[in-house]
């Protein structure tokens, strides 16, 4: 019953979020406006998280009626240093979400008030270990943007509505230690905006079911991993699936990732906080992973998941240094300049731990195209790094309908073969997209774990057979599709045709008799 209640509350929360997001945005493009909704959600989260943390400490110290939100700022300063060391951030009582919201409707300078609050929140981390995790987090929440309104009064009206709408969301109580509603609300908003934004937004978001399958593939047989990594982490949803699959404490040394898009990088850091992953447990970087990777000192990683951008441009052989880069040198060739897909694959392989697993969503062309990509596949197969190739259904992702695939890499395999799984039919149609349901995911995982042949679904193929087939890794080249044609008995069909011909002859004779009778009567 409790589960049903929780699901009902979740559905109600999603309905409310959908309504406020649409009511509030007005003329602002949804994909742009998400920064405001998510930014204010984050502001509320860190305010309530911090208040609950300080209140709990004081009450355990013998002050049962202590309420940080009611404290004058001057009395709050004493706890700043210790709190920043623990939580990574500090907010004075007057600048907490609840207190700013209370005054908002009567604050003629609300936009400036919020701008100062955001500046002070970031400023509280300057010079501390959490500085990089907080820096620039509110940059996309421009309270003076004309997008919010053409005058200060109009902008402030919108900001009051935004504070009230986010403040009214039922997101649970931090004191019960079971809160996941903030993270859930964030994921729902990201999915909603990505779905509505099509290509402009969808490329930054991997559907939750796909994220979950990737995470589960990399931890088969494990209850914990040292650290997880995504070299094109987008909004962080793939990384955070490990918190759900294993429990965040079972990712022992934390969550690592890099993202080239600044707005999306900011959203990823916010996402970590909203899922209650503290600042010292994640290390996300902004920049180009292929030419300027940020985590040389942190590799190797035991679990790597990624949905890198498909067939994008990269420096390739126009940069003479890259062929000598230890990540790319082993293959003896660089991925084509117009198709960076296998450059991400080589980077991931290079940073994968000996006991680790990587699961990468790939554009299907990388499995069979010739030239440099074929040579990279040859390197991967000849060195026995490809564990499995899984064909996914079409139309799973926002912004594209193509049927992608998953390549699973390992450095310590027990056989010299690749498991091919044809999961192209493993989906349920939901709204305008296909979805991988739990049973769909489980069928793939069961086949992946069993590593044996299943008619028309899975086949274990020796590396030498793949080599003889020009290193073609397309699933359809190795797993026979089910023949859905009707089986026809030729002798039975010929007998039926003969019966039809005889009957046709009888009818013709009968018609001839009738015609002759009519003619004689006339």
Protein backbone atom coordinates (compact mmCIF):
# COMPACT_ATOMS: atom_id res chain seq x y z
CA UNK A 1 0.00 0.00 0.00
CA UNK A 2 2.84 2.38 0.90
CA UNK A 3 4.36 1.84 -2.54
CA UNK A 4 1.04 2.73 -4.18
CA UNK A 5 0.78 5.87 -2.07
CA UNK A 6 4.32 6.86 -3.00
CA UNK A 7 3.59 6.32 -6.71
CA UNK A 8 0.38 8.34 -6.41
CA UNK A 9 2.28 11.18 -4.70
CA UNK A 10 4.92 11.00 -7.41
CA UNK A 11 2.33 11.17 -10.20
CA UNK A 12 0.71 14.15 -8.47
CA UNK A 13 4.08 15.87 -8.12
CA UNK A 14 4.84 15.33 -11.82
CA UNK A 15 1.43 16.72 -12.78
CA UNK A 16 2.08 19.83 -10.66
CA UNK A 17 5.57 20.30 -12.09
CA UNK A 18 4.22 20.03 -15.63
CA UNK A 19 1.56 22.63 -14.86
CA UNK A 20 3.85 25.17 -13.21
CA UNK A 21 6.56 24.80 -15.83
CA UNK A 22 4.07 25.58 -18.57
CA UNK A 23 2.16 28.27 -16.65
CA UNK A 24 5.32 30.13 -15.70
CA UNK A 25 7.36 30.15 -18.85
CA UNK A 26 4.98 32.29 -20.90
CA UNK A 27 6.91 33.44 -23.94
CA UNK A 28 10.24 31.94 -22.83
CA UNK A 29 11.36 28.86 -24.80
CA UNK A 30 10.98 25.77 -22.61
CA UNK A 31 14.56 24.61 -23.03
CA UNK A 32 15.83 28.06 -21.99
CA UNK A 33 13.35 28.42 -19.14
CA UNK A 34 14.40 25.14 -17.53
CA UNK A 35 17.45 26.92 -16.09
CA UNK A 36 15.11 29.13 -14.04
CA UNK A 37 12.87 26.32 -12.79
CA UNK A 38 15.81 24.02 -12.01
CA UNK A 39 17.90 26.85 -10.52
CA UNK A 40 15.15 27.87 -8.09
CA UNK A 41 14.52 24.20 -7.25
CA UNK A 42 18.23 23.91 -6.43
CA UNK A 43 18.11 27.11 -4.32
CA UNK A 44 15.21 25.68 -2.31
CA UNK A 45 17.01 22.34 -1.94
CA UNK A 46 20.30 23.68 -0.56
CA UNK A 47 18.41 26.06 1.76
CA UNK A 48 16.33 23.26 3.27
CA UNK A 49 19.20 20.77 3.29
CA UNK A 50 21.45 23.22 5.13
CA UNK A 51 18.72 24.25 7.59
CA UNK A 52 17.95 20.59 8.43
CA UNK A 53 21.66 19.84 8.91
CA UNK A 54 22.27 22.80 11.26
CA UNK A 55 19.01 22.25 13.19
CA UNK A 56 19.82 18.59 13.76
CA UNK A 57 23.29 19.43 15.08
CA UNK A 58 21.98 22.07 17.47
CA UNK A 59 19.12 19.91 18.73
CA UNK A 60 21.49 17.02 19.42
CA UNK A 61 23.62 19.52 21.35
CA UNK A 62 20.70 20.19 23.71
CA UNK A 63 18.74 23.02 22.01
CA UNK A 64 15.41 21.30 21.16
CA UNK A 65 13.67 24.48 19.92
CA UNK A 66 16.54 25.76 17.77
CA UNK A 67 15.45 27.05 14.34
CA UNK A 68 18.23 28.26 12.05
CA UNK A 69 15.77 30.06 9.75
CA UNK A 70 14.65 32.31 12.62
CA UNK A 71 18.20 33.28 13.69
CA UNK A 72 19.49 36.82 13.05
CA UNK A 73 22.33 36.83 10.48
CA UNK A 74 24.77 38.24 13.03
CA UNK A 75 24.28 35.19 15.28
CA UNK A 76 24.59 32.76 12.37
CA UNK A 77 28.12 33.73 11.33
CA UNK A 78 29.77 31.64 14.04
CA UNK A 79 28.97 28.35 12.29
CA UNK A 80 30.09 29.33 8.78
CA UNK A 81 33.54 27.72 8.56
CA UNK A 82 32.60 24.36 10.07
CA UNK A 83 29.42 24.13 7.96
CA UNK A 84 31.19 24.92 4.67
CA UNK A 85 33.77 22.23 5.46
CA UNK A 86 30.96 19.69 5.92
CA UNK A 87 28.30 20.79 3.40
CA UNK A 88 30.40 22.81 0.93
CA UNK A 89 28.18 25.90 1.15
CA UNK A 90 26.74 28.43 3.61
CA UNK A 91 23.57 30.54 3.47
CA UNK A 92 22.71 33.19 6.03
CA UNK A 93 19.20 32.87 7.54
CA UNK A 94 17.89 36.02 5.80
CA UNK A 95 18.97 34.57 2.45
CA UNK A 96 17.34 31.15 2.85
CA UNK A 97 14.74 30.27 0.21
CA UNK A 98 11.83 30.28 2.70
CA UNK A 99 12.72 33.74 4.06
CA UNK A 100 13.34 35.35 0.66
CA UNK A 101 10.04 33.87 -0.57
CA UNK A 102 8.15 35.32 2.42
CA UNK A 103 9.33 38.83 1.56
CA UNK A 104 9.26 38.42 -2.24
CA UNK A 105 5.85 39.91 -3.07
CA UNK A 106 6.74 43.15 -1.23
CA UNK A 107 10.36 43.33 -2.40
CA UNK A 108 10.59 45.93 -5.19
CA UNK A 109 14.20 44.88 -5.76
CA UNK A 110 13.58 41.12 -5.75
CA UNK A 111 15.76 40.60 -8.82
CA UNK A 112 18.71 42.30 -7.09
CA UNK A 113 17.99 40.46 -3.83
CA UNK A 114 18.18 37.11 -5.64
CA UNK A 115 21.27 38.12 -7.62
CA UNK A 116 23.04 38.97 -4.33
CA UNK A 117 21.85 35.76 -2.66
CA UNK A 118 23.21 33.65 -5.52
CA UNK A 119 26.49 35.56 -5.48
CA UNK A 120 26.81 35.04 -1.71
CA UNK A 121 26.03 31.31 -1.95
CA UNK A 122 28.82 30.86 -4.51
CA UNK A 123 31.06 33.20 -2.50
CA UNK A 124 30.69 31.06 0.62
CA UNK A 125 32.72 28.31 -1.09
CA UNK A 126 35.55 30.52 -2.40
CA UNK A 127 38.91 29.37 -1.07
CA UNK A 128 37.52 26.02 0.13
CA UNK A 129 37.48 22.48 -1.25
CA UNK A 130 33.97 22.95 -2.67
CA UNK A 131 34.79 26.10 -4.69
CA UNK A 132 34.94 24.33 -8.07
CA UNK A 133 31.69 22.48 -7.39
CA UNK A 134 29.76 25.71 -6.68
CA UNK A 135 31.44 28.15 -9.09
CA UNK A 136 29.10 29.45 -11.79
CA UNK A 137 26.16 27.28 -10.75
CA UNK A 138 23.71 30.18 -10.98
CA UNK A 139 25.16 31.69 -14.16
CA UNK A 140 22.24 30.51 -16.28
CA UNK A 141 19.69 31.88 -13.81
CA UNK A 142 19.86 35.49 -15.02
CA UNK A 143 17.34 37.39 -12.90
CA UNK A 144 17.82 40.52 -15.03
CA UNK A 145 17.16 38.81 -18.37
CA UNK A 146 14.65 40.39 -20.75
CA UNK A 147 13.38 36.83 -21.28
CA UNK A 148 11.61 37.12 -17.91
CA UNK A 149 9.95 40.44 -18.79
CA UNK A 150 10.64 43.79 -20.42
CA UNK A 151 10.74 45.74 -17.15
CA UNK A 152 12.01 45.16 -13.61
CA UNK A 153 8.41 45.06 -12.37
CA UNK A 154 7.45 42.38 -14.92
CA UNK A 155 10.60 40.36 -14.17
CA UNK A 156 9.93 40.48 -10.45
CA UNK A 157 6.32 39.38 -10.95
CA UNK A 158 7.61 36.32 -12.78
CA UNK A 159 10.22 35.64 -10.07
CA UNK A 160 7.57 35.84 -7.31
CA UNK A 161 5.45 33.29 -9.21
CA UNK A 162 8.50 31.09 -9.66
CA UNK A 163 9.41 31.18 -5.95
CA UNK A 164 5.81 30.45 -4.95
CA UNK A 165 5.37 27.61 -7.43
CA UNK A 166 8.62 25.87 -6.44
CA UNK A 167 7.92 26.59 -2.77
CA UNK A 168 4.48 24.96 -2.97
CA UNK A 169 5.80 21.67 -4.37
CA UNK A 170 5.38 18.84 -1.85
CA UNK A 171 8.92 17.50 -1.60
CA UNK A 172 9.00 15.83 1.80
CA UNK A 173 10.85 16.56 4.99
CA UNK A 174 14.64 16.36 5.27
CA UNK A 175 14.41 15.20 8.86
CA UNK A 176 13.01 11.79 7.85
CA UNK A 177 16.19 10.95 5.84
CA UNK A 178 14.17 9.29 3.04
CA UNK A 179 13.84 12.27 0.75
CA UNK A 180 14.31 11.57 -2.94
CA UNK A 181 11.64 13.91 -4.26
CA UNK A 182 14.06 16.71 -5.22
CA UNK A 183 16.12 14.39 -7.41
CA UNK A 184 12.99 12.83 -8.85
CA UNK A 185 11.49 16.26 -9.62
CA UNK A 186 14.73 17.26 -11.35
CA UNK A 187 14.81 14.12 -13.51
CA UNK A 188 11.17 14.59 -14.47
CA UNK A 189 11.78 18.23 -15.44
CA UNK A 190 14.82 17.31 -17.54
CA UNK A 191 12.89 14.57 -19.32
CA UNK A 192 9.92 16.87 -19.86
CA UNK A 193 12.04 19.68 -21.31
CA UNK A 194 14.12 17.32 -23.45
CA UNK A 195 10.99 15.72 -24.86
CA UNK A 196 9.46 19.09 -25.71
CA UNK A 197 12.68 20.58 -27.05
CA UNK A 198 13.35 17.90 -29.66
CA UNK A 199 16.83 18.06 -31.11
CA UNK A 200 17.79 21.33 -29.40
CA UNK A 201 17.44 19.81 -25.94
CA UNK A 202 17.12 16.08 -26.35
CA UNK A 203 20.76 15.58 -27.28
CA UNK A 204 21.67 16.43 -23.69
CA UNK A 205 19.43 13.84 -22.08
CA UNK A 206 19.49 10.04 -21.98
CA UNK A 207 16.12 8.46 -21.05
CA UNK A 208 16.11 7.02 -17.54
CA UNK A 209 15.46 3.42 -18.64
CA UNK A 210 18.47 3.47 -20.98
CA UNK A 211 20.63 5.01 -18.23
CA UNK A 212 19.53 2.28 -15.86
CA UNK A 213 20.32 -0.51 -18.33
CA UNK A 214 23.81 0.91 -18.92
CA UNK A 215 24.53 1.15 -15.20
CA UNK A 216 23.21 -2.37 -14.54
CA UNK A 217 25.30 -3.85 -17.36
CA UNK A 218 28.51 -2.46 -15.83
CA UNK A 219 27.90 -3.81 -12.30
CA UNK A 220 26.67 -7.35 -13.03
CA UNK A 221 27.89 -9.53 -10.16
CA UNK A 222 29.05 -6.54 -8.04
CA UNK A 223 27.57 -4.82 -5.00
CA UNK A 224 30.00 -1.89 -5.05
CA UNK A 225 32.57 -0.17 -7.31
CA UNK A 226 35.47 2.18 -6.61
CA UNK A 227 34.30 5.08 -8.81
CA UNK A 228 32.15 5.72 -11.87
CA UNK A 229 32.89 7.91 -14.88
CA UNK A 230 31.15 9.42 -17.91
CA UNK A 231 33.33 11.36 -20.42
CA UNK A 232 30.29 13.09 -21.96
CA UNK A 233 28.14 13.34 -18.87
CA UNK A 234 25.44 15.77 -20.05
CA UNK A 235 23.13 16.51 -17.13
CA UNK A 236 24.59 13.64 -15.10
CA UNK A 237 21.64 11.25 -15.27
CA UNK A 238 23.76 8.23 -16.31
CA UNK A 239 26.18 8.68 -13.44
CA UNK A 240 23.39 9.07 -10.92
CA UNK A 241 21.78 5.80 -11.98
CA UNK A 242 24.60 4.10 -10.04
CA UNK A 243 23.26 5.74 -6.88
CA UNK A 244 19.94 4.05 -7.62
CA UNK A 245 21.32 0.68 -8.78
CA UNK A 246 24.01 0.23 -6.09
CA UNK A 247 23.22 2.91 -3.49
CA UNK A 248 25.39 6.02 -3.50
CA UNK A 249 27.54 4.82 -0.58
CA UNK A 250 28.52 1.77 -2.69
CA UNK A 251 30.20 4.05 -5.22
CA UNK A 252 33.07 4.27 -2.78
CA UNK A 253 35.20 7.06 -4.24
CA UNK A 254 32.52 8.97 -6.05
CA UNK A 255 31.17 10.18 -9.39
CA UNK A 256 33.38 11.63 -12.15
CA UNK A 257 32.47 13.21 -15.47
CA UNK A 258 33.22 15.85 -18.08
CA UNK A 259 30.85 17.93 -20.22
CA UNK A 260 31.63 20.34 -23.06
CA UNK A 261 28.38 22.38 -22.92
CA UNK A 262 28.58 24.95 -20.10
CA UNK A 263 24.84 25.13 -19.35
CA UNK A 264 24.55 21.35 -19.27
CA UNK A 265 27.67 21.11 -17.07
CA UNK A 266 26.01 23.47 -14.58
CA UNK A 267 22.86 21.33 -14.66
CA UNK A 268 24.92 18.19 -13.98
CA UNK A 269 26.44 19.70 -10.83
CA UNK A 270 23.00 20.85 -9.64
CA UNK A 271 21.72 17.32 -10.35
CA UNK A 272 24.39 15.85 -8.05
CA UNK A 273 23.38 18.13 -5.18
CA UNK A 274 19.66 17.47 -5.72
CA UNK A 275 20.32 13.72 -5.46
CA UNK A 276 22.06 14.36 -2.13
CA UNK A 277 25.53 13.55 -3.46
CA UNK A 278 27.74 15.81 -1.35
CA UNK A 279 30.44 17.97 -2.97
CA UNK A 280 33.37 15.75 -1.94
CA UNK A 281 31.71 12.73 -3.62
CA UNK A 282 31.66 14.14 -7.16
CA UNK A 283 34.20 15.66 -9.52
CA UNK A 284 32.68 17.08 -12.70
CA UNK A 285 34.72 19.13 -15.18
CA UNK A 286 33.87 21.48 -18.04
CA UNK A 287 35.73 21.04 -21.33
CA UNK A 288 36.46 18.87 -24.36
CA UNK A 289 37.20 15.33 -23.16
CA UNK A 290 38.85 14.23 -26.40
CA UNK A 291 41.44 17.02 -26.66
CA UNK A 292 41.60 18.26 -23.04
CA UNK A 293 40.60 15.47 -20.63
CA UNK A 294 40.27 16.59 -17.02
CA UNK A 295 40.72 13.40 -15.02
CA UNK A 296 44.20 12.05 -15.81
CA UNK A 297 44.93 11.84 -12.08
CA UNK A 298 41.72 9.95 -11.27
CA UNK A 299 41.71 7.11 -13.81
CA UNK A 300 41.28 4.16 -14.03
CA UNK A 301 37.56 3.75 -13.34
CA UNK A 302 35.81 0.52 -12.47
CA UNK A 303 32.53 1.47 -14.14
CA UNK A 304 32.19 3.75 -17.17
CA UNK A 305 28.90 4.63 -18.88
CA UNK A 306 28.36 7.08 -21.70
CA UNK A 307 26.05 8.25 -24.45
CA UNK A 308 28.51 10.44 -26.39
CA UNK A 309 27.24 12.75 -29.16
CA UNK A 310 26.84 10.84 -32.43
CA UNK A 311 29.22 11.39 -35.36
CA UNK A 312 30.45 14.83 -34.33
CA UNK A 313 33.51 16.66 -35.64
CA UNK A 314 36.77 16.49 -33.70
CA UNK A 315 40.40 17.48 -34.30
CA UNK A 316 41.51 13.98 -35.37
CA UNK A 317 44.63 13.84 -37.54
CA UNK A 318 44.67 17.63 -38.01
CA UNK A 319 46.24 17.71 -34.51
CA UNK A 320 49.63 15.95 -34.84
CA UNK A 321 49.83 15.40 -31.07
CA UNK A 322 46.76 13.18 -30.86
CA UNK A 323 48.27 10.13 -32.60
CA UNK A 324 50.89 10.09 -29.81
CA UNK A 325 48.26 10.45 -27.08
CA UNK A 326 48.37 7.25 -24.95
CA UNK A 327 44.59 6.97 -25.24
CA UNK A 328 44.63 6.74 -29.05
CA UNK A 329 48.12 5.42 -29.95
CA UNK A 330 47.38 1.70 -29.38
CA UNK A 331 44.98 1.48 -32.34
CA UNK A 332 47.58 3.03 -34.66
CA UNK A 333 44.93 5.22 -36.28
CA UNK A 334 42.60 8.05 -35.20
CA UNK A 335 38.84 8.12 -35.61
CA UNK A 336 37.81 10.18 -38.69
CA UNK A 337 37.60 13.95 -38.18
CA UNK A 338 33.90 13.93 -39.04
CA UNK A 339 33.07 10.96 -36.80
CA UNK A 340 34.43 11.15 -33.24
CA UNK A 341 32.42 8.14 -31.97
CA UNK A 342 35.32 5.68 -31.75
CA UNK A 343 37.63 8.36 -30.32
CA UNK A 344 35.30 8.37 -27.27
CA UNK A 345 35.42 4.56 -27.28
CA UNK A 346 39.25 4.52 -27.26
CA UNK A 347 39.35 7.17 -24.52
CA UNK A 348 36.96 5.09 -22.41
CA UNK A 349 38.94 1.89 -22.95
CA UNK A 350 42.15 3.65 -21.96
CA UNK A 351 40.68 4.80 -18.64
CA UNK A 352 38.87 1.55 -17.83
CA UNK A 353 40.18 -0.42 -14.84
CA UNK A 354 41.46 -3.97 -15.42
CA UNK A 355 38.53 -5.32 -13.37
CA UNK A 356 36.06 -2.81 -14.84
CA UNK A 357 33.24 -2.70 -17.37
CA UNK A 358 32.23 0.09 -19.77
CA UNK A 359 28.84 0.38 -21.52
CA UNK A 360 28.66 2.94 -24.34
CA UNK A 361 25.70 3.95 -26.50
CA UNK A 362 26.97 4.10 -30.08
CA UNK A 363 25.73 5.32 -33.45
CA UNK A 364 25.10 2.13 -35.51
CA UNK A 365 27.51 3.11 -38.30
CA UNK A 366 30.55 2.55 -36.07
CA UNK A 367 29.79 -1.18 -36.11
CA UNK A 368 30.30 -1.70 -39.84
CA UNK A 369 31.86 1.36 -41.55
CA UNK A 370 35.22 0.84 -43.25
CA UNK A 371 38.45 2.85 -43.21
CA UNK A 372 39.91 4.04 -39.92
CA UNK A 373 36.86 2.85 -37.99
CA UNK A 374 37.35 -0.71 -39.25
CA UNK A 375 41.00 -0.58 -38.11
CA UNK A 376 39.92 0.57 -34.63
CA UNK A 377 37.39 -2.28 -34.45
CA UNK A 378 40.17 -4.67 -35.49
CA UNK A 379 42.31 -3.41 -32.60
CA UNK A 380 39.40 -3.88 -30.17
CA UNK A 381 38.60 -7.42 -31.36
CA UNK A 382 42.17 -8.66 -31.80
CA UNK A 383 42.93 -7.57 -28.23
CA UNK A 384 39.68 -9.11 -26.93
CA UNK A 385 38.24 -5.95 -25.40
CA UNK A 386 34.67 -6.18 -26.80
CA UNK A 387 32.48 -8.15 -24.40
CA UNK A 388 29.06 -7.60 -25.98
CA UNK A 389 27.17 -5.64 -28.63
CA UNK A 390 23.49 -4.98 -27.96
CA UNK A 391 21.10 -3.70 -30.62
CA UNK A 392 18.54 -1.33 -29.06
CA UNK A 393 15.05 -0.53 -30.42
CA UNK A 394 14.56 2.55 -32.59
CA UNK A 395 12.96 5.76 -31.29
CA UNK A 396 14.13 5.55 -27.66
CA UNK A 397 15.98 8.86 -27.52
CA UNK A 398 14.82 12.47 -27.61
CA UNK A 399 15.83 14.35 -30.73
CA UNK A 400 16.37 11.26 -32.90
CA UNK A 401 14.50 8.13 -33.98
CA UNK A 402 17.56 6.04 -34.97
CA UNK A 403 18.11 2.58 -33.49
CA UNK A 404 21.32 2.88 -31.49
CA UNK A 405 23.41 0.09 -29.99
CA UNK A 406 25.45 -0.52 -26.83
CA UNK A 407 29.06 -1.68 -26.92
CA UNK A 408 30.27 -3.30 -23.69
CA UNK A 409 34.05 -3.26 -23.10
CA UNK A 410 36.12 -5.32 -20.64
CA UNK A 411 39.83 -5.82 -20.15
CA UNK A 412 39.60 -9.14 -18.29
CA UNK A 413 37.38 -11.49 -20.27
CA UNK A 414 37.09 -15.23 -19.71
CA UNK A 415 36.60 -16.10 -23.40
CA UNK A 416 37.72 -14.96 -26.84
CA UNK A 417 34.25 -14.14 -28.11
CA UNK A 418 31.65 -11.39 -28.37
CA UNK A 419 28.04 -11.78 -27.26
CA UNK A 420 25.58 -10.25 -29.73
CA UNK A 421 22.08 -9.44 -28.42
CA UNK A 422 19.24 -8.32 -30.68
CA UNK A 423 16.99 -6.27 -28.38
CA UNK A 424 15.41 -4.33 -31.26
CA UNK A 425 11.95 -5.65 -30.33
CA UNK A 426 12.37 -5.16 -26.56
CA UNK A 427 10.19 -2.09 -26.06
CA UNK A 428 6.72 -0.81 -25.24
CA UNK A 429 5.31 2.21 -27.05
CA UNK A 430 4.70 5.02 -24.55
CA UNK A 431 3.39 8.35 -25.85
CA UNK A 432 5.53 9.53 -28.73
CA UNK A 433 8.54 7.36 -27.85
CA UNK A 434 9.46 3.72 -27.32
CA UNK A 435 10.39 2.69 -23.78
CA UNK A 436 12.56 -0.07 -22.33
CA UNK A 437 10.37 -1.44 -19.54
CA UNK A 438 11.76 -3.39 -16.57
CA UNK A 439 10.97 -6.77 -18.24
CA UNK A 440 12.67 -5.55 -21.45
CA UNK A 441 15.79 -4.58 -19.48
CA UNK A 442 15.74 -7.83 -17.54
CA UNK A 443 15.63 -9.98 -20.70
CA UNK A 444 18.75 -8.18 -21.98
CA UNK A 445 20.51 -8.54 -18.60
CA UNK A 446 19.61 -12.23 -18.33
CA UNK A 447 21.08 -12.92 -21.78
CA UNK A 448 24.13 -10.77 -20.99
CA UNK A 449 24.74 -12.72 -17.75
CA UNK A 450 24.09 -16.19 -19.21
CA UNK A 451 26.33 -15.51 -22.23
CA UNK A 452 24.84 -18.38 -24.26
CA UNK A 453 22.97 -18.63 -27.56
CA UNK A 454 19.23 -17.89 -27.64
CA UNK A 455 17.45 -18.40 -30.97
CA UNK A 456 16.86 -15.11 -32.80
CA UNK A 457 17.97 -13.12 -29.74
CA UNK A 458 21.54 -13.80 -28.60
CA UNK A 459 24.62 -15.45 -30.08
CA UNK A 460 28.17 -15.87 -28.79
CA UNK A 461 30.58 -15.40 -31.71
CA UNK A 462 34.29 -16.22 -31.64
CA UNK A 463 36.64 -13.31 -32.35
CA UNK A 464 38.21 -15.22 -35.26
CA UNK A 465 34.79 -15.48 -36.97
CA UNK A 466 34.35 -11.71 -36.54
CA UNK A 467 37.81 -11.18 -38.05
CA UNK A 468 36.83 -13.31 -41.07
CA UNK A 469 33.76 -11.10 -41.45
CA UNK A 470 35.85 -7.88 -41.88
CA UNK A 471 35.43 -7.03 -38.18
CA UNK A 472 31.76 -6.26 -38.77
CA UNK A 473 30.05 -5.87 -35.38
CA UNK A 474 26.49 -5.21 -36.60
CA UNK A 475 24.15 -7.42 -34.56
CA UNK A 476 22.05 -8.27 -37.64
CA UNK A 477 25.17 -9.84 -39.23
CA UNK A 478 25.50 -12.32 -36.36
CA UNK A 479 21.98 -12.96 -34.97
CA UNK A 480 19.40 -14.39 -37.39
CA UNK A 481 16.11 -12.53 -37.27
CA UNK A 482 12.95 -14.56 -36.75
CA UNK A 483 11.32 -15.55 -40.06
CA UNK A 484 7.79 -14.16 -39.75
CA UNK A 485 6.71 -15.36 -43.19
CA UNK A 486 3.85 -17.86 -43.32
CA UNK A 487 4.97 -21.44 -44.07
CA UNK A 488 3.21 -22.63 -47.23
CA UNK A 489 2.65 -26.30 -48.17
CA UNK A 490 3.21 -26.30 -51.96
CA UNK A 491 1.32 -29.57 -52.66
CA UNK A 492 -1.65 -28.36 -50.59
CA UNK A 493 -1.56 -25.03 -52.44
CA UNK A 494 -1.51 -26.80 -55.86
CA UNK A 495 -4.47 -28.98 -54.83
CA UNK A 496 -6.41 -25.88 -53.75
CA UNK A 497 -5.64 -24.18 -57.11
CA UNK A 498 -6.88 -27.31 -58.96
CA UNK A 499 -10.14 -27.23 -56.94
CA UNK A 500 -10.61 -23.55 -57.80
CA UNK A 501 -10.02 -24.23 -61.53
CA UNK A 502 -12.56 -27.13 -61.49
CA UNK A 503 -15.12 -24.99 -59.68
CA UNK A 504 -14.50 -22.16 -62.13
CA UNK A 505 -15.15 -24.56 -65.03
CA UNK A 506 -18.42 -25.76 -63.42
CA UNK A 507 -19.60 -22.16 -63.02
CA UNK A 508 -18.74 -21.35 -66.63
CA UNK A 509 -20.73 -24.39 -67.85
CA UNK A 510 -23.71 -23.40 -65.70
CA UNK A 511 -23.56 -19.83 -67.04
CA UNK A 512 -23.40 -21.15 -70.63
CA UNK A 513 -26.59 -23.20 -70.02
CA UNK A 514 -28.41 -20.16 -68.60
CA UNK A 515 -27.32 -17.97 -71.54
CA UNK A 516 -28.46 -20.65 -74.05
CA UNK A 517 -31.89 -20.89 -72.32
CA UNK A 518 -32.32 -17.12 -72.47
CA UNK A 519 -31.40 -17.00 -76.14
CA UNK A 520 -33.88 -19.80 -77.10
CA UNK A 521 -36.65 -18.12 -75.09
CA UNK A 522 -36.20 -14.89 -77.00
